Protein backbone atom coordinates (compact mmCIF):
# COMPACT_ATOMS: atom_id res chain seq x y z
CA MET A 1 61.33 40.21 -83.48
CA MET A 2 64.20 42.74 -82.50
CA ARG A 3 65.61 42.74 -79.11
CA LYS A 4 63.95 45.16 -77.11
CA THR A 5 65.89 47.99 -75.11
CA ASN A 6 65.11 50.94 -73.22
CA ASN A 7 66.51 53.17 -76.17
CA LEU A 8 64.19 52.87 -78.95
CA LEU A 9 66.58 54.82 -81.35
CA LEU A 10 69.51 52.50 -80.13
CA GLN A 11 67.61 49.40 -80.68
CA ILE A 12 66.75 50.42 -84.27
CA GLN A 13 70.36 51.31 -84.92
CA GLU A 14 71.69 48.13 -83.48
CA ASN A 15 69.45 45.89 -85.65
CA LEU A 16 69.65 48.09 -88.72
CA SER A 17 71.92 45.55 -90.85
CA ALA A 18 69.52 42.64 -90.03
CA LEU A 19 66.48 44.69 -91.39
CA SER A 20 64.71 43.89 -95.05
CA LYS A 21 64.94 46.97 -97.44
CA GLY A 22 61.84 48.33 -96.64
CA HIS A 23 62.33 48.54 -92.95
CA LYS A 24 65.82 49.96 -93.45
CA LEU A 25 64.37 52.63 -95.22
CA LEU A 26 61.95 53.30 -92.28
CA ALA A 27 64.63 52.78 -89.69
CA ARG A 28 67.18 55.46 -91.29
CA PHE A 29 64.22 57.70 -91.58
CA ILE A 30 63.20 57.60 -87.87
CA ILE A 31 66.80 57.59 -86.54
CA ASP A 32 67.45 60.89 -88.68
CA ASN A 33 63.97 62.41 -88.33
CA TYR A 34 62.58 60.96 -85.01
CA ASP A 35 60.80 64.50 -84.02
CA LYS A 36 59.04 64.68 -87.65
CA ALA A 37 58.08 60.52 -87.65
CA ALA A 38 56.58 61.01 -84.23
CA PHE A 39 53.63 62.91 -85.47
CA MET A 40 53.09 61.22 -88.73
CA THR A 41 50.43 58.68 -89.49
CA ALA A 42 51.41 55.25 -90.71
CA SER A 43 50.09 56.11 -94.08
CA LYS A 44 51.79 59.46 -94.10
CA LEU A 45 55.33 57.80 -93.11
CA GLY A 46 55.09 55.10 -95.80
CA ASN A 47 54.52 57.70 -98.28
CA LYS A 48 57.53 59.53 -97.07
CA VAL A 49 59.99 56.72 -97.28
CA GLY A 50 58.43 55.03 -100.42
CA VAL A 51 56.93 51.98 -98.79
CA SER A 52 53.20 50.74 -97.95
CA GLU A 53 51.43 51.30 -94.89
CA SER A 54 51.35 47.52 -93.99
CA THR A 55 55.03 47.71 -94.19
CA VAL A 56 55.19 50.54 -91.44
CA VAL A 57 52.80 48.54 -89.07
CA ARG A 58 55.01 45.38 -89.85
CA PHE A 59 57.97 47.35 -88.91
CA ALA A 60 56.37 48.66 -85.52
CA ASN A 61 55.68 44.90 -84.88
CA ALA A 62 59.09 43.69 -85.64
CA LEU A 63 60.16 46.28 -82.93
CA GLY A 64 57.95 44.47 -80.31
CA PHE A 65 55.02 46.95 -80.57
CA LYS A 66 51.69 45.68 -80.85
CA GLY A 67 50.72 48.33 -83.68
CA TYR A 68 52.12 51.45 -84.94
CA PRO A 69 50.24 53.88 -82.37
CA GLU A 70 52.38 52.24 -79.55
CA LEU A 71 55.53 53.00 -81.79
CA GLN A 72 54.30 56.70 -82.37
CA ASN A 73 53.68 57.06 -78.50
CA GLU A 74 57.45 55.89 -77.67
CA LEU A 75 58.87 58.30 -80.37
CA GLN A 76 56.60 61.17 -78.60
CA GLU A 77 57.99 60.31 -75.36
CA ILE A 78 61.58 60.71 -76.77
CA ILE A 79 61.08 64.05 -78.15
CA LYS A 80 59.62 65.49 -74.80
CA THR A 81 63.28 65.31 -73.57
CA LYS A 82 65.57 65.38 -76.79
CA LEU A 83 63.90 68.19 -78.70
CA THR A 84 65.48 71.53 -78.41
CA THR A 85 63.45 74.65 -78.85
CA VAL A 86 64.49 75.28 -82.18
CA GLN A 87 63.31 72.00 -83.22
CA ARG A 88 59.99 72.22 -81.55
CA VAL A 89 59.57 75.54 -83.65
CA GLU A 90 60.42 73.43 -86.72
CA MET A 91 57.61 71.00 -85.78
CA ALA A 92 55.03 74.18 -86.06
CA ARG A 93 55.79 74.32 -89.66
CA GLU A 94 53.79 71.28 -90.37
CA PHE A 95 50.89 73.52 -89.92
CA SER A 96 49.25 74.19 -93.21
CA SER A 97 47.34 77.31 -92.06
CA GLU A 98 46.46 79.26 -89.08
CA ASN A 99 43.24 77.68 -88.94
CA ASP A 100 44.62 74.34 -88.93
CA MET A 101 46.90 75.29 -86.07
CA LEU A 102 44.10 76.70 -84.18
CA LYS A 103 42.39 73.39 -84.54
CA LYS A 104 45.47 70.97 -83.79
CA VAL A 105 46.37 72.92 -80.57
CA PHE A 106 42.77 73.16 -79.09
CA LYS A 107 42.25 69.42 -79.99
CA SER A 108 45.63 68.44 -78.39
CA ASP A 109 44.81 70.36 -75.24
CA MET A 110 41.27 69.06 -74.96
CA GLN A 111 42.93 65.36 -75.40
CA ASN A 112 45.42 65.99 -72.40
CA ILE A 113 42.41 66.95 -70.19
CA ARG A 114 40.67 63.87 -71.21
CA SER A 115 43.61 61.70 -70.78
CA THR A 116 44.67 63.07 -67.36
CA PHE A 117 40.92 62.68 -65.98
CA GLU A 118 40.90 59.10 -67.25
CA ASN A 119 44.42 58.11 -65.87
CA LEU A 120 44.12 59.73 -62.44
CA ASP A 121 44.80 57.44 -59.62
CA GLN A 122 41.60 58.41 -57.44
CA LYS A 123 43.00 56.67 -54.23
CA MET A 124 46.26 58.59 -54.47
CA PHE A 125 44.47 61.96 -55.35
CA GLN A 126 42.78 61.25 -51.98
CA GLU A 127 45.93 60.54 -50.15
CA VAL A 128 47.46 63.80 -51.43
CA ILE A 129 44.58 65.64 -50.03
CA GLU A 130 45.12 64.37 -46.55
CA GLN A 131 48.92 64.86 -46.98
CA ILE A 132 48.16 68.71 -47.69
CA LEU A 133 45.79 69.21 -44.67
CA GLU A 134 48.03 67.58 -42.38
CA ALA A 135 51.49 69.18 -43.06
CA ASP A 136 52.83 71.64 -40.82
CA ARG A 137 54.06 73.63 -44.06
CA ILE A 138 53.68 73.30 -47.62
CA TYR A 139 56.49 74.05 -50.02
CA ILE A 140 55.73 74.34 -53.70
CA ILE A 141 58.22 74.30 -56.24
CA GLY A 142 58.05 74.58 -59.94
CA LEU A 143 60.96 76.23 -62.13
CA ARG A 144 61.28 77.16 -65.69
CA SER A 145 57.75 76.85 -67.28
CA SER A 146 56.43 74.85 -64.23
CA ALA A 147 56.93 78.11 -62.26
CA ALA A 148 53.58 79.22 -63.41
CA LEU A 149 51.63 76.09 -62.14
CA ALA A 150 53.57 76.59 -58.62
CA GLN A 151 52.71 80.30 -58.29
CA TYR A 152 49.07 79.65 -59.26
CA MET A 153 48.61 76.76 -56.92
CA GLY A 154 50.33 78.80 -54.25
CA PHE A 155 48.12 81.92 -54.38
CA TYR A 156 45.05 79.87 -54.11
CA LEU A 157 46.20 77.35 -51.39
CA ASN A 158 47.25 80.70 -49.65
CA LEU A 159 43.50 81.66 -49.56
CA ILE A 160 42.68 78.48 -47.79
CA LEU A 161 45.73 77.69 -45.70
CA ASP A 162 48.31 79.70 -43.68
CA ASN A 163 51.26 77.39 -44.10
CA VAL A 164 52.04 77.82 -47.79
CA ILE A 165 55.58 78.50 -49.15
CA VAL A 166 56.05 78.93 -52.83
CA VAL A 167 59.94 78.30 -53.72
CA GLY A 168 61.18 80.07 -56.72
CA ASN A 169 64.14 81.76 -58.47
CA GLY A 170 64.59 84.85 -56.05
CA VAL A 171 67.21 86.55 -54.11
CA SER A 172 68.16 83.32 -52.12
CA ASN A 173 68.22 80.16 -54.26
CA VAL A 174 65.92 77.11 -53.92
CA PHE A 175 68.32 75.17 -51.18
CA GLU A 176 68.26 78.25 -48.83
CA GLN A 177 64.29 78.72 -49.32
CA MET A 178 63.87 75.14 -48.21
CA LEU A 179 66.72 75.03 -45.46
CA ARG A 180 63.97 74.65 -42.78
CA VAL A 181 61.98 71.86 -44.20
CA SER A 182 61.02 69.05 -41.79
CA LYS A 183 59.65 65.64 -41.77
CA LYS A 184 56.39 67.04 -40.96
CA ASP A 185 56.14 69.27 -44.06
CA LEU A 186 55.12 68.30 -47.57
CA VAL A 187 56.99 69.44 -50.73
CA ILE A 188 54.85 69.58 -53.89
CA ALA A 189 57.20 69.54 -57.11
CA PHE A 190 56.13 70.58 -60.49
CA SER A 191 58.19 69.14 -63.31
CA PHE A 192 57.37 68.82 -67.08
CA PRO A 193 59.47 68.34 -70.05
CA ARG A 194 62.31 69.52 -70.41
CA TYR A 195 62.77 68.65 -66.78
CA SER A 196 64.56 71.38 -64.79
CA ASN A 197 67.67 69.87 -63.38
CA ARG A 198 67.24 72.31 -60.47
CA THR A 199 64.03 70.83 -59.39
CA ILE A 200 65.12 67.47 -59.51
CA GLU A 201 68.17 68.54 -57.32
CA ALA A 202 65.91 70.15 -54.94
CA ILE A 203 63.57 67.11 -54.34
CA LYS A 204 66.72 64.99 -53.75
CA PHE A 205 67.79 67.31 -51.33
CA VAL A 206 64.67 67.18 -49.23
CA LYS A 207 64.32 63.60 -49.50
CA GLU A 208 67.88 63.46 -47.96
CA GLU A 209 65.72 64.75 -44.75
CA ASP A 210 63.01 62.37 -45.29
CA VAL A 211 60.47 64.89 -46.36
CA PRO A 212 57.19 63.74 -47.77
CA VAL A 213 57.22 64.80 -51.48
CA LEU A 214 54.28 65.08 -54.13
CA ALA A 215 55.37 65.00 -57.86
CA ILE A 216 52.94 66.32 -60.25
CA THR A 217 54.41 65.44 -63.61
CA ASP A 218 53.58 63.89 -67.00
CA SER A 219 54.70 60.48 -66.22
CA VAL A 220 55.62 57.69 -63.73
CA THR A 221 59.04 57.55 -65.78
CA SER A 222 59.76 61.30 -64.98
CA PRO A 223 63.04 62.08 -63.25
CA ILE A 224 61.42 63.18 -60.03
CA ALA A 225 58.29 60.52 -60.15
CA ASN A 226 60.62 57.74 -58.61
CA ILE A 227 62.14 60.12 -55.85
CA ALA A 228 58.65 61.22 -54.68
CA ASP A 229 56.32 59.54 -52.11
CA TYR A 230 53.38 60.53 -54.09
CA CYS A 231 52.86 61.16 -57.75
CA LEU A 232 49.88 62.45 -59.75
CA THR A 233 50.36 62.29 -63.52
CA SER A 234 49.09 64.73 -66.03
CA SER A 235 49.42 64.64 -69.94
CA CYS A 236 51.13 67.40 -71.42
CA ASP A 237 51.79 66.32 -75.06
CA MET A 238 52.86 69.55 -77.09
CA ILE A 239 52.51 70.03 -80.69
CA SER A 240 54.94 72.80 -81.06
CA PHE A 241 57.53 74.87 -78.97
CA VAL A 242 55.01 75.97 -76.44
CA ASP A 243 54.58 73.45 -73.55
CA SER A 244 51.15 72.51 -72.90
CA LEU A 245 50.15 73.06 -69.16
CA VAL A 246 46.57 73.13 -69.54
CA ALA A 247 45.87 69.77 -68.11
CA PRO A 248 48.24 70.19 -65.15
CA LEU A 249 46.51 73.49 -64.50
CA SER A 250 43.32 71.66 -64.56
CA LEU A 251 44.46 68.94 -61.99
CA VAL A 252 45.75 71.91 -59.92
CA ASN A 253 42.52 73.48 -59.86
CA THR A 254 40.68 70.27 -58.70
CA LEU A 255 43.23 69.72 -55.95
CA ILE A 256 42.56 73.40 -54.69
CA VAL A 257 38.85 73.05 -54.77
CA ALA A 258 39.12 69.44 -52.81
CA VAL A 259 41.17 71.21 -49.91
CA GLY A 260 38.58 74.20 -50.15
CA MET A 261 35.76 71.80 -49.68
CA ARG A 262 37.32 70.29 -46.45
CA GLU A 263 37.99 73.75 -45.19
CA LYS A 264 34.86 75.58 -46.55
CA ASP A 265 34.17 77.08 -42.89
CA LYS A 266 37.57 78.30 -42.35
CA ILE A 267 37.71 79.70 -46.08
CA GLY A 268 34.33 81.44 -45.71
CA ARG A 269 35.87 83.62 -42.79
CA TYR A 270 38.95 84.20 -44.68
CA LEU A 271 37.26 85.25 -47.85
CA ASN A 272 34.66 87.49 -46.07
CA LYS A 273 37.68 89.39 -44.40
CA LEU A 274 39.33 89.56 -47.73
CA GLU A 275 36.62 90.96 -49.54
CA LYS A 276 36.71 93.81 -47.13
CA ILE A 277 40.20 94.35 -47.49
CA TRP A 278 39.91 94.08 -51.30
CA TYR A 279 37.06 96.69 -51.28
CA ARG A 280 38.61 98.98 -48.77
CA TYR A 281 42.00 99.28 -50.85
CA ASN A 282 40.41 99.22 -54.41
CA VAL A 283 42.09 96.20 -55.26
CA TYR A 284 39.58 94.91 -57.86
CA ASP A 285 37.80 97.23 -60.34
CA ARG A 286 34.32 98.10 -59.16
CA LYS A 287 33.05 100.10 -62.25
CA SER A 288 32.32 97.22 -64.50
């Protein structure tokens, strides 16, 4: 068995000379094409380099994995942060047709939701609800593609609570927008691959002020997970250049509904007032 390191590609490279002929073929292909290998079955990978499926499985075992699926998952974790947008586009070329693409994208999103639900820390979820309700102010930050999640959560929480601030790329930078943050507040940070450096910097900044932080991210190994006080993870495995935020959005919906149910009397009064305002100023189309 090879010596296990935190860097799979480095581990393979360091042990290359000691490998058998078949394992060397697999190792070289994975080092040069890890973005493609991450989405190949053991059979397809074996055919690609000219070895048997059982050789692929033994190669995974030699790396210290229980089977090939574990090796494949490790490769997929690597590409979350290493792949450029151009490389992600190249991945999409693997689709044989638009119908094939349709099936794979929907299947991937459904699997992301299922995985998020099955692995959700229920105790942590309840603690987060308490923190949201007890905080003096709630700062929500999400940059790049995660900005959509932050804006969405901020919009609906603002219908329930009156202390929500969405931090984003505006006239002032994120640090200026969070200048008055205090220990009695809560910062909710969204960060998904490829992780925004500015989000990481902002979380480090508020932690220096001892402010509680909730990280909503893809993994407990993400850059903001070990900084935050609370962490809720959501699968976002992608199969092309588009980040899959379907499962994170579902998690956000669940948080909003849970907070709303705790504040249902208050939200009822707010929404009745809002309906009158929306009607008066013709906010929504009333013809359809």
